[in-house]
Amino acid sequence: MTPWNSELTSALNEVTLDWQITIENTLKKEIKNGTISNDVEPKQAAYFILSSYWGIRRLSKVSNDNACYCHYLKELKTYLNNLK
């Protein structure tokens, strides 16, 4: 839909940027607090989290199977816990 609707594209871009910045800022805060490793690159991790989330949402819709989404959430939790 977005290529044909510039208002939708703009709104989605704004929401996406807000989400990305929120993830980055949270990671920066946790690095500063010592909760996660200094080796974590906040922007890189935010891109990974966003893109993997979008990918699994698409996959679960295409496959009409919510189980893969549940598996993803478990793996995302493992990923986030390994940022320590």
N, C-alpha and C. Protein backbone atom coordinates (compact mmCIF):
# COMPACT_ATOMS: atom_id res chain seq x y z
N MET A 1 0.81 -1.21 0.00
CA MET A 1 0.00 0.00 0.00
C MET A 1 0.86 1.27 0.00
N THR A 2 2.01 1.24 0.66
CA THR A 2 2.75 2.47 0.83
C THR A 2 3.22 3.13 -0.47
N PRO A 3 3.60 2.37 -1.52
CA PRO A 3 4.04 3.06 -2.74
C PRO A 3 2.93 3.92 -3.38
N TRP A 4 1.69 3.58 -3.10
CA TRP A 4 0.58 4.29 -3.72
C TRP A 4 -0.07 5.31 -2.81
N ASN A 5 0.36 5.36 -1.58
CA ASN A 5 -0.27 6.26 -0.62
C ASN A 5 0.82 7.00 0.16
N SER A 6 1.13 8.20 -0.27
CA SER A 6 2.23 8.94 0.35
C SER A 6 1.95 9.30 1.82
N GLU A 7 0.69 9.53 2.17
CA GLU A 7 0.36 9.83 3.56
C GLU A 7 0.62 8.62 4.46
N LEU A 8 0.26 7.44 3.97
CA LEU A 8 0.51 6.22 4.73
C LEU A 8 2.02 5.99 4.86
N THR A 9 2.75 6.19 3.77
CA THR A 9 4.20 6.05 3.80
C THR A 9 4.81 6.97 4.84
N SER A 10 4.38 8.21 4.86
CA SER A 10 4.90 9.19 5.81
C SER A 10 4.60 8.77 7.24
N ALA A 11 3.37 8.35 7.49
CA ALA A 11 2.98 7.93 8.84
C ALA A 11 3.77 6.71 9.29
N LEU A 12 3.94 5.72 8.40
CA LEU A 12 4.70 4.52 8.74
C LEU A 12 6.17 4.84 8.99
N ASN A 13 6.72 5.73 8.18
CA ASN A 13 8.11 6.13 8.39
C ASN A 13 8.30 6.80 9.75
N GLU A 14 7.35 7.63 10.13
CA GLU A 14 7.43 8.33 11.41
C GLU A 14 7.35 7.34 12.57
N VAL A 15 6.42 6.42 12.50
CA VAL A 15 6.26 5.42 13.56
C VAL A 15 7.51 4.53 13.64
N THR A 16 8.01 4.13 12.48
CA THR A 16 9.20 3.28 12.43
C THR A 16 10.41 3.98 13.02
N LEU A 17 10.60 5.23 12.66
CA LEU A 17 11.73 5.99 13.20
C LEU A 17 11.60 6.14 14.71
N ASP A 18 10.39 6.43 15.19
CA ASP A 18 10.17 6.55 16.63
C ASP A 18 10.50 5.23 17.34
N TRP A 19 10.08 4.13 16.76
CA TRP A 19 10.33 2.80 17.33
C TRP A 19 11.83 2.52 17.36
N GLN A 20 12.50 2.80 16.25
CA GLN A 20 13.94 2.57 16.17
C GLN A 20 14.68 3.41 17.21
N ILE A 21 14.36 4.67 17.29
CA ILE A 21 15.03 5.57 18.24
C ILE A 21 14.76 5.12 19.69
N THR A 22 13.56 4.67 19.97
CA THR A 22 13.23 4.20 21.32
C THR A 22 14.06 2.97 21.68
N ILE A 23 14.20 2.05 20.74
CA ILE A 23 15.02 0.86 20.99
C ILE A 23 16.47 1.28 21.21
N GLU A 24 16.98 2.13 20.33
CA GLU A 24 18.38 2.60 20.46
C GLU A 24 18.61 3.28 21.81
N ASN A 25 17.71 4.18 22.18
CA ASN A 25 17.87 4.91 23.44
C ASN A 25 17.80 3.98 24.65
N THR A 26 16.94 2.99 24.57
CA THR A 26 16.83 2.01 25.66
C THR A 26 18.12 1.22 25.78
N LEU A 27 18.67 0.80 24.64
CA LEU A 27 19.93 0.06 24.67
C LEU A 27 21.06 0.94 25.21
N LYS A 28 21.12 2.19 24.78
CA LYS A 28 22.15 3.11 25.28
C LYS A 28 22.04 3.27 26.80
N LYS A 29 20.82 3.41 27.28
CA LYS A 29 20.59 3.56 28.72
C LYS A 29 21.07 2.33 29.47
N GLU A 30 20.77 1.15 28.93
CA GLU A 30 21.16 -0.09 29.61
C GLU A 30 22.67 -0.33 29.52
N ILE A 31 23.31 0.13 28.46
CA ILE A 31 24.77 0.07 28.38
C ILE A 31 25.36 0.95 29.47
N LYS A 32 24.82 2.16 29.59
CA LYS A 32 25.31 3.10 30.60
C LYS A 32 25.10 2.55 32.02
N ASN A 33 23.96 1.87 32.22
CA ASN A 33 23.66 1.28 33.53
C ASN A 33 24.45 0.00 33.80
N GLY A 34 25.13 -0.52 32.78
CA GLY A 34 25.88 -1.75 32.93
C GLY A 34 25.04 -3.01 32.82
N THR A 35 23.80 -2.86 32.41
CA THR A 35 22.90 -3.99 32.28
C THR A 35 23.24 -4.84 31.06
N ILE A 36 23.71 -4.18 30.00
CA ILE A 36 24.14 -4.90 28.81
C ILE A 36 25.56 -4.48 28.45
N SER A 37 26.18 -5.29 27.62
CA SER A 37 27.59 -5.12 27.27
C SER A 37 27.87 -3.84 26.50
N ASN A 38 29.05 -3.28 26.73
CA ASN A 38 29.51 -2.12 25.97
C ASN A 38 29.75 -2.47 24.50
N ASP A 39 29.86 -3.75 24.19
CA ASP A 39 30.10 -4.19 22.82
C ASP A 39 28.87 -4.07 21.93
N VAL A 40 27.71 -3.89 22.52
CA VAL A 40 26.47 -3.79 21.75
C VAL A 40 26.43 -2.45 21.03
N GLU A 41 26.15 -2.50 19.74
CA GLU A 41 25.96 -1.29 18.93
C GLU A 41 24.46 -1.01 18.87
N PRO A 42 23.97 0.03 19.56
CA PRO A 42 22.53 0.26 19.65
C PRO A 42 21.81 0.37 18.30
N LYS A 43 22.37 1.10 17.35
CA LYS A 43 21.70 1.24 16.06
C LYS A 43 21.64 -0.10 15.33
N GLN A 44 22.73 -0.82 15.35
CA GLN A 44 22.81 -2.12 14.69
C GLN A 44 21.80 -3.09 15.32
N ALA A 45 21.77 -3.14 16.64
CA ALA A 45 20.84 -4.03 17.33
C ALA A 45 19.39 -3.63 17.07
N ALA A 46 19.12 -2.33 17.02
CA ALA A 46 17.76 -1.85 16.75
C ALA A 46 17.32 -2.28 15.36
N TYR A 47 18.20 -2.15 14.36
CA TYR A 47 17.87 -2.61 13.01
C TYR A 47 17.58 -4.10 13.00
N PHE A 48 18.39 -4.86 13.71
CA PHE A 48 18.20 -6.31 13.76
C PHE A 48 16.85 -6.66 14.39
N ILE A 49 16.55 -6.03 15.50
CA ILE A 49 15.30 -6.31 16.21
C ILE A 49 14.10 -5.94 15.34
N LEU A 50 14.14 -4.76 14.76
CA LEU A 50 13.03 -4.32 13.91
C LEU A 50 12.86 -5.22 12.69
N SER A 51 13.94 -5.49 12.00
CA SER A 51 13.82 -6.27 10.77
C SER A 51 13.41 -7.72 11.05
N SER A 52 13.92 -8.29 12.12
CA SER A 52 13.51 -9.66 12.44
C SER A 52 12.04 -9.71 12.87
N TYR A 53 11.61 -8.69 13.58
CA TYR A 53 10.20 -8.65 13.99
C TYR A 53 9.29 -8.53 12.77
N TRP A 54 9.64 -7.63 11.85
CA TRP A 54 8.82 -7.48 10.65
C TRP A 54 8.82 -8.77 9.83
N GLY A 55 9.97 -9.41 9.76
CA GLY A 55 10.07 -10.66 9.01
C GLY A 55 9.19 -11.75 9.57
N ILE A 56 9.21 -11.91 10.88
CA ILE A 56 8.40 -12.99 11.48
C ILE A 56 6.91 -12.67 11.39
N ARG A 57 6.57 -11.40 11.47
CA ARG A 57 5.16 -11.04 11.32
C ARG A 57 4.67 -11.42 9.91
N ARG A 58 5.51 -11.13 8.91
CA ARG A 58 5.17 -11.48 7.53
C ARG A 58 5.08 -12.99 7.37
N LEU A 59 6.07 -13.71 7.90
CA LEU A 59 6.10 -15.16 7.78
C LEU A 59 4.89 -15.80 8.45
N SER A 60 4.52 -15.31 9.62
CA SER A 60 3.37 -15.90 10.31
C SER A 60 2.07 -15.64 9.56
N LYS A 61 1.98 -14.48 8.88
CA LYS A 61 0.79 -14.19 8.09
C LYS A 61 0.74 -15.05 6.83
N VAL A 62 1.88 -15.14 6.14
CA VAL A 62 1.93 -15.92 4.90
C VAL A 62 1.68 -17.39 5.16
N SER A 63 2.26 -17.90 6.24
CA SER A 63 2.10 -19.33 6.55
C SER A 63 0.82 -19.61 7.32
N ASN A 64 0.13 -18.53 7.74
CA ASN A 64 -1.09 -18.67 8.54
C ASN A 64 -0.84 -19.55 9.77
N ASP A 65 0.29 -19.27 10.42
CA ASP A 65 0.71 -20.08 11.55
C ASP A 65 1.32 -19.18 12.63
N ASN A 66 0.61 -19.05 13.72
CA ASN A 66 1.10 -18.21 14.83
C ASN A 66 2.21 -18.89 15.62
N ALA A 67 2.38 -20.20 15.44
CA ALA A 67 3.40 -20.91 16.20
C ALA A 67 4.79 -20.36 15.91
N CYS A 68 5.06 -20.01 14.65
CA CYS A 68 6.39 -19.49 14.32
C CYS A 68 6.62 -18.15 15.02
N TYR A 69 5.57 -17.38 15.20
CA TYR A 69 5.68 -16.10 15.91
C TYR A 69 6.05 -16.35 17.38
N CYS A 70 5.44 -17.35 17.99
CA CYS A 70 5.75 -17.69 19.38
C CYS A 70 7.19 -18.16 19.52
N HIS A 71 7.65 -18.96 18.56
CA HIS A 71 9.05 -19.41 18.57
C HIS A 71 9.99 -18.21 18.43
N TYR A 72 9.63 -17.30 17.56
CA TYR A 72 10.45 -16.10 17.37
C TYR A 72 10.56 -15.31 18.67
N LEU A 73 9.44 -15.11 19.36
CA LEU A 73 9.47 -14.34 20.60
C LEU A 73 10.38 -14.99 21.63
N LYS A 74 10.38 -16.31 21.69
CA LYS A 74 11.28 -17.01 22.62
C LYS A 74 12.74 -16.76 22.22
N GLU A 75 13.02 -16.82 20.92
CA GLU A 75 14.39 -16.60 20.46
C GLU A 75 14.81 -15.14 20.64
N LEU A 76 13.88 -14.21 20.45
CA LEU A 76 14.18 -12.80 20.68
C LEU A 76 14.55 -12.58 22.15
N LYS A 77 13.82 -13.22 23.03
CA LYS A 77 14.13 -13.13 24.47
C LYS A 77 15.54 -13.64 24.74
N THR A 78 15.90 -14.75 24.11
CA THR A 78 17.26 -15.29 24.26
C THR A 78 18.28 -14.30 23.74
N TYR A 79 18.02 -13.72 22.57
CA TYR A 79 18.93 -12.73 22.00
C TYR A 79 19.12 -11.56 22.96
N LEU A 80 18.02 -11.02 23.47
CA LEU A 80 18.11 -9.87 24.36
C LEU A 80 18.84 -10.22 25.65
N ASN A 81 18.59 -11.41 26.18
CA ASN A 81 19.29 -11.83 27.39
C ASN A 81 20.79 -12.00 27.15
N ASN A 82 21.17 -12.32 25.92
CA ASN A 82 22.59 -12.50 25.60
C ASN A 82 23.32 -11.18 25.34
N LEU A 83 22.63 -10.08 25.43
CA LEU A 83 23.28 -8.78 25.29
C LEU A 83 24.03 -8.38 26.55
N LYS A 84 23.87 -9.17 27.59
CA LYS A 84 24.51 -8.87 28.89
C LYS A 84 26.01 -8.95 28.79
